[in-house]
Amino acid sequence: MGEHSSTPNDEINFILCVRRLRGGAQGKGNGYIQRATPKDDDGVLARWDTRLSLDKTDNKEAIFERLKHSVQLVASAPEMQLQLLPPYVCKADELALEFDHWREVTLHNYRKELSVGQISAMIALDEKLDWLSKTAGEYWTDKAVRESPEWQNVRRLATLVLRAVN
């Protein structure tokens, strides 16, 4: 058998989730394989593509709920943020990526239904996270999430997003 050939019983039971990095711990702006995307109880992927638009009425509530949950995590106290994320991820990066994903899905599908205030609040948080990505890798550590004034500001901006979307 060749070096790159698969074994007869080789099955792919997962889909790799490849996402754009915000920065910091893993590098700047590169794609990478972060983890296998889990399936929910019905065998459906846990994440949705930003272009998802099939029968939007059925998905709208779930998408807004996922956006809200991602923002609630970003707005949470640092110890809660770090405790709720698995140990094998860059936790600061994961906080930003989860928000970024659900912000993109929401804006792609429901921008016309959002107020200027809601969009502005999401943009302000996104721009702050982008600024952190471009500034220094030091902001993408657990210690920075706990102690950095920049992450305190991120949590404050996330609170403003929650107020706007509730």
C-alpha atoms as a PDB file:
ATOM      1  CA  MET A   1       0.000   0.000   0.000  1.00  0.00           C
ATOM      2  CA  GLY A   2       1.307   3.480  -0.889  1.00  0.00           C
ATOM      3  CA  GLU A   3       2.099   6.187   1.579  1.00  0.00           C
ATOM      4  CA  HIS A   4      -1.108   8.145   0.894  1.00  0.00           C
ATOM      5  CA  SER A   5      -3.518   5.332   0.095  1.00  0.00           C
ATOM      6  CA  SER A   6      -6.431   4.707   2.417  1.00  0.00           C
ATOM      7  CA  THR A   7      -7.160   1.466   4.186  1.00  0.00           C
ATOM      8  CA  PRO A   8     -10.136  -0.619   2.986  1.00  0.00           C
ATOM      9  CA  ASN A   9     -12.127   0.226   6.149  1.00  0.00           C
ATOM     10  CA  ASP A  10     -11.294   3.912   6.055  1.00  0.00           C
ATOM     11  CA  GLU A  11     -14.512   5.922   6.418  1.00  0.00           C
ATOM     12  CA  ILE A  12     -14.863   9.625   6.875  1.00  0.00           C
ATOM     13  CA  ASN A  13     -17.317  10.176   9.721  1.00  0.00           C
ATOM     14  CA  PHE A  14     -16.747  13.854  10.131  1.00  0.00           C
ATOM     15  CA  ILE A  15     -16.290  17.007   8.171  1.00  0.00           C
ATOM     16  CA  LEU A  16     -13.327  19.189   8.900  1.00  0.00           C
ATOM     17  CA  CYS A  17     -14.157  22.684   9.833  1.00  0.00           C
ATOM     18  CA  VAL A  18     -11.730  25.030   8.125  1.00  0.00           C
ATOM     19  CA  ARG A  19     -12.056  28.609   9.238  1.00  0.00           C
ATOM     20  CA  ARG A  20     -10.254  31.864   8.787  1.00  0.00           C
ATOM     21  CA  LEU A  21      -8.194  32.749  11.809  1.00  0.00           C
ATOM     22  CA  ARG A  22      -8.646  36.083  13.469  1.00  0.00           C
ATOM     23  CA  GLY A  23      -5.028  36.034  14.561  1.00  0.00           C
ATOM     24  CA  GLY A  24      -2.904  35.596  17.596  1.00  0.00           C
ATOM     25  CA  ALA A  25      -2.045  32.134  18.757  1.00  0.00           C
ATOM     26  CA  GLN A  26      -2.229  30.214  15.479  1.00  0.00           C
ATOM     27  CA  GLY A  27      -1.036  32.880  13.059  1.00  0.00           C
ATOM     28  CA  LYS A  28      -2.402  35.807  11.111  1.00  0.00           C
ATOM     29  CA  GLY A  29      -5.158  35.355   8.590  1.00  0.00           C
ATOM     30  CA  ASN A  30      -4.343  31.776   7.598  1.00  0.00           C
ATOM     31  CA  GLY A  31      -6.839  28.974   7.218  1.00  0.00           C
ATOM     32  CA  TYR A  32      -6.336  25.930   9.379  1.00  0.00           C
ATOM     33  CA  ILE A  33      -8.137  22.771  10.343  1.00  0.00           C
ATOM     34  CA  GLN A  34      -9.495  23.580  13.749  1.00  0.00           C
ATOM     35  CA  ARG A  35     -11.503  20.485  14.637  1.00  0.00           C
ATOM     36  CA  ALA A  36     -14.003  18.030  13.335  1.00  0.00           C
ATOM     37  CA  THR A  37     -17.406  19.634  13.145  1.00  0.00           C
ATOM     38  CA  PRO A  38     -19.739  17.626  15.390  1.00  0.00           C
ATOM     39  CA  LYS A  39     -23.159  16.479  14.314  1.00  0.00           C
ATOM     40  CA  ASP A  40     -26.229  17.009  16.453  1.00  0.00           C
ATOM     41  CA  ASP A  41     -28.615  14.198  17.476  1.00  0.00           C
ATOM     42  CA  ASP A  42     -30.235  14.154  14.030  1.00  0.00           C
ATOM     43  CA  GLY A  43     -26.906  13.803  12.236  1.00  0.00           C
ATOM     44  CA  VAL A  44     -26.978  17.402  11.043  1.00  0.00           C
ATOM     45  CA  LEU A  45     -23.822  19.481  11.267  1.00  0.00           C
ATOM     46  CA  ALA A  46     -23.775  21.714  14.320  1.00  0.00           C
ATOM     47  CA  ARG A  47     -22.636  24.727  12.270  1.00  0.00           C
ATOM     48  CA  TRP A  48     -24.500  26.220   9.345  1.00  0.00           C
ATOM     49  CA  ASP A  49     -23.034  27.782   6.263  1.00  0.00           C
ATOM     50  CA  THR A  50     -23.376  31.569   6.083  1.00  0.00           C
ATOM     51  CA  ARG A  51     -25.267  31.142   2.821  1.00  0.00           C
ATOM     52  CA  LEU A  52     -27.979  29.086   4.477  1.00  0.00           C
ATOM     53  CA  SER A  53     -31.279  30.409   3.228  1.00  0.00           C
ATOM     54  CA  LEU A  54     -33.516  27.402   2.697  1.00  0.00           C
ATOM     55  CA  ASP A  55     -36.833  28.099   4.368  1.00  0.00           C
ATOM     56  CA  LYS A  56     -35.455  31.020   6.378  1.00  0.00           C
ATOM     57  CA  THR A  57     -38.506  31.207   8.643  1.00  0.00           C
ATOM     58  CA  ASP A  58     -37.639  27.850  10.214  1.00  0.00           C
ATOM     59  CA  ASN A  59     -34.027  28.834  10.803  1.00  0.00           C
ATOM     60  CA  LYS A  60     -34.425  32.437  11.891  1.00  0.00           C
ATOM     61  CA  GLU A  61     -35.155  31.727  15.536  1.00  0.00           C
ATOM     62  CA  ALA A  62     -32.331  29.192  15.800  1.00  0.00           C
ATOM     63  CA  ILE A  63     -29.831  31.507  14.106  1.00  0.00           C
ATOM     64  CA  PHE A  64     -30.677  34.432  16.374  1.00  0.00           C
ATOM     65  CA  GLU A  65     -30.469  32.119  19.384  1.00  0.00           C
ATOM     66  CA  ARG A  66     -26.996  30.948  18.328  1.00  0.00           C
ATOM     67  CA  LEU A  67     -25.911  34.566  17.779  1.00  0.00           C
ATOM     68  CA  LYS A  68     -27.205  35.468  21.233  1.00  0.00           C
ATOM     69  CA  HIS A  69     -25.395  32.527  22.847  1.00  0.00           C
ATOM     70  CA  SER A  70     -22.119  33.416  21.153  1.00  0.00           C
ATOM     71  CA  VAL A  71     -22.417  37.031  22.325  1.00  0.00           C
ATOM     72  CA  GLN A  72     -23.411  35.961  25.849  1.00  0.00           C
ATOM     73  CA  LEU A  73     -20.214  33.945  26.060  1.00  0.00           C
ATOM     74  CA  VAL A  74     -18.116  36.900  24.869  1.00  0.00           C
ATOM     75  CA  ALA A  75     -19.871  39.146  27.426  1.00  0.00           C
ATOM     76  CA  SER A  76     -19.398  36.669  30.294  1.00  0.00           C
ATOM     77  CA  ALA A  77     -16.888  36.994  33.111  1.00  0.00           C
ATOM     78  CA  PRO A  78     -13.435  35.769  32.084  1.00  0.00           C
ATOM     79  CA  GLU A  79     -13.419  32.730  34.374  1.00  0.00           C
ATOM     80  CA  MET A  80     -16.781  31.639  32.934  1.00  0.00           C
ATOM     81  CA  GLN A  81     -15.468  32.099  29.380  1.00  0.00           C
ATOM     82  CA  LEU A  82     -12.398  30.010  30.061  1.00  0.00           C
ATOM     83  CA  GLN A  83     -14.296  27.330  31.981  1.00  0.00           C
ATOM     84  CA  LEU A  84     -16.940  26.778  29.286  1.00  0.00           C
ATOM     85  CA  LEU A  85     -14.529  26.260  26.400  1.00  0.00           C
ATOM     86  CA  PRO A  86     -12.681  22.967  25.938  1.00  0.00           C
ATOM     87  CA  PRO A  87      -9.019  22.810  26.949  1.00  0.00           C
ATOM     88  CA  TYR A  88      -7.771  21.858  23.472  1.00  0.00           C
ATOM     89  CA  VAL A  89      -8.736  25.162  21.795  1.00  0.00           C
ATOM     90  CA  CYS A  90      -7.221  28.617  21.846  1.00  0.00           C
ATOM     91  CA  LYS A  91      -9.991  30.022  24.019  1.00  0.00           C
ATOM     92  CA  ALA A  92      -9.638  33.674  23.044  1.00  0.00           C
ATOM     93  CA  ASP A  93      -9.658  32.690  19.390  1.00  0.00           C
ATOM     94  CA  GLU A  94     -12.700  30.469  19.883  1.00  0.00           C
ATOM     95  CA  LEU A  95     -14.640  33.310  21.551  1.00  0.00           C
ATOM     96  CA  ALA A  96     -13.961  35.528  18.543  1.00  0.00           C
ATOM     97  CA  LEU A  97     -14.610  32.822  15.954  1.00  0.00           C
ATOM     98  CA  GLU A  98     -17.968  31.800  17.415  1.00  0.00           C
ATOM     99  CA  PHE A  99     -19.192  35.387  17.424  1.00  0.00           C
ATOM    100  CA  ASP A 100     -17.791  36.004  13.940  1.00  0.00           C
ATOM    101  CA  HIS A 101     -19.505  32.910  12.550  1.00  0.00           C
ATOM    102  CA  TRP A 102     -22.965  33.677  13.902  1.00  0.00           C
ATOM    103  CA  ARG A 103     -22.638  37.398  13.085  1.00  0.00           C
ATOM    104  CA  GLU A 104     -21.919  36.471   9.470  1.00  0.00           C
ATOM    105  CA  VAL A 105     -24.817  33.994   9.298  1.00  0.00           C
ATOM    106  CA  THR A 106     -27.192  36.547  10.823  1.00  0.00           C
ATOM    107  CA  LEU A 107     -26.116  39.439   8.613  1.00  0.00           C
ATOM    108  CA  HIS A 108     -26.145  37.335   5.457  1.00  0.00           C
ATOM    109  CA  ASN A 109     -29.665  36.062   6.044  1.00  0.00           C
ATOM    110  CA  TYR A 110     -31.414  38.823   8.022  1.00  0.00           C
ATOM    111  CA  ARG A 111     -29.578  42.137   7.518  1.00  0.00           C
ATOM    112  CA  LYS A 112     -32.749  43.821   6.211  1.00  0.00           C
ATOM    113  CA  GLU A 113     -34.602  42.861   9.391  1.00  0.00           C
ATOM    114  CA  LEU A 114     -31.983  44.311  11.755  1.00  0.00           C
ATOM    115  CA  SER A 115     -31.959  47.868  13.004  1.00  0.00           C
ATOM    116  CA  VAL A 116     -29.071  50.239  12.397  1.00  0.00           C
ATOM    117  CA  GLY A 117     -28.310  50.027  16.144  1.00  0.00           C
ATOM    118  CA  GLN A 118     -28.126  46.230  16.076  1.00  0.00           C
ATOM    119  CA  ILE A 119     -25.833  46.198  13.059  1.00  0.00           C
ATOM    120  CA  SER A 120     -23.672  48.994  14.501  1.00  0.00           C
ATOM    121  CA  ALA A 121     -23.236  47.150  17.813  1.00  0.00           C
ATOM    122  CA  MET A 122     -22.160  43.961  16.010  1.00  0.00           C
ATOM    123  CA  ILE A 123     -19.769  45.907  13.786  1.00  0.00           C
ATOM    124  CA  ALA A 124     -18.184  47.654  16.791  1.00  0.00           C
ATOM    125  CA  LEU A 125     -17.492  44.306  18.497  1.00  0.00           C
ATOM    126  CA  ASP A 126     -16.208  42.763  15.278  1.00  0.00           C
ATOM    127  CA  GLU A 127     -13.893  45.716  14.632  1.00  0.00           C
ATOM    128  CA  LYS A 128     -12.485  45.494  18.167  1.00  0.00           C
ATOM    129  CA  LEU A 129     -11.735  41.794  17.699  1.00  0.00           C
ATOM    130  CA  ASP A 130     -10.141  42.536  14.315  1.00  0.00           C
ATOM    131  CA  TRP A 131      -8.014  45.241  15.941  1.00  0.00           C
ATOM    132  CA  LEU A 132      -6.835  42.761  18.568  1.00  0.00           C
ATOM    133  CA  SER A 133      -5.917  40.337  15.769  1.00  0.00           C
ATOM    134  CA  LYS A 134      -3.809  42.884  13.969  1.00  0.00           C
ATOM    135  CA  THR A 135      -2.160  44.329  17.081  1.00  0.00           C
ATOM    136  CA  ALA A 136      -0.403  41.515  18.910  1.00  0.00           C
ATOM    137  CA  GLY A 137      -0.550  37.818  19.693  1.00  0.00           C
ATOM    138  CA  GLU A 138      -0.390  38.643  23.383  1.00  0.00           C
ATOM    139  CA  TYR A 139      -4.146  39.297  23.379  1.00  0.00           C
ATOM    140  CA  TRP A 140      -4.947  35.700  22.404  1.00  0.00           C
ATOM    141  CA  THR A 141      -3.928  33.971  25.635  1.00  0.00           C
ATOM    142  CA  ASP A 142      -5.998  32.843  28.614  1.00  0.00           C
ATOM    143  CA  LYS A 143      -4.122  35.356  30.753  1.00  0.00           C
ATOM    144  CA  ALA A 144      -5.086  38.191  28.399  1.00  0.00           C
ATOM    145  CA  VAL A 145      -8.742  37.113  28.474  1.00  0.00           C
ATOM    146  CA  ARG A 146      -8.602  37.226  32.296  1.00  0.00           C
ATOM    147  CA  GLU A 147      -6.551  40.377  32.846  1.00  0.00           C
ATOM    148  CA  SER A 148      -6.310  42.546  29.737  1.00  0.00           C
ATOM    149  CA  PRO A 149      -8.169  45.880  29.626  1.00  0.00           C
ATOM    150  CA  GLU A 150      -8.678  45.144  25.928  1.00  0.00           C
ATOM    151  CA  TRP A 151     -10.691  42.012  26.746  1.00  0.00           C
ATOM    152  CA  GLN A 152     -12.656  43.997  29.347  1.00  0.00           C
ATOM    153  CA  ASN A 153     -13.551  46.335  26.494  1.00  0.00           C
ATOM    154  CA  VAL A 154     -14.521  43.352  24.306  1.00  0.00           C
ATOM    155  CA  ARG A 155     -16.874  42.154  27.068  1.00  0.00           C
ATOM    156  CA  ARG A 156     -18.366  45.663  27.356  1.00  0.00           C
ATOM    157  CA  LEU A 157     -18.996  45.788  23.593  1.00  0.00           C
ATOM    158  CA  ALA A 158     -20.568  42.322  23.709  1.00  0.00           C
ATOM    159  CA  THR A 159     -22.929  43.551  26.431  1.00  0.00           C
ATOM    160  CA  LEU A 160     -23.975  46.379  24.098  1.00  0.00           C
ATOM    161  CA  VAL A 161     -24.677  43.842  21.339  1.00  0.00           C
ATOM    162  CA  LEU A 162     -26.848  41.833  23.749  1.00  0.00           C
ATOM    163  CA  ARG A 163     -28.816  44.932  24.667  1.00  0.00           C
ATOM    164  CA  ALA A 164     -29.305  45.775  20.992  1.00  0.00           C
ATOM    165  CA  VAL A 165     -30.510  42.336  19.906  1.00  0.00           C
ATOM    166  CA  ASN A 166     -32.775  41.634  22.896  1.00  0.00           C
END
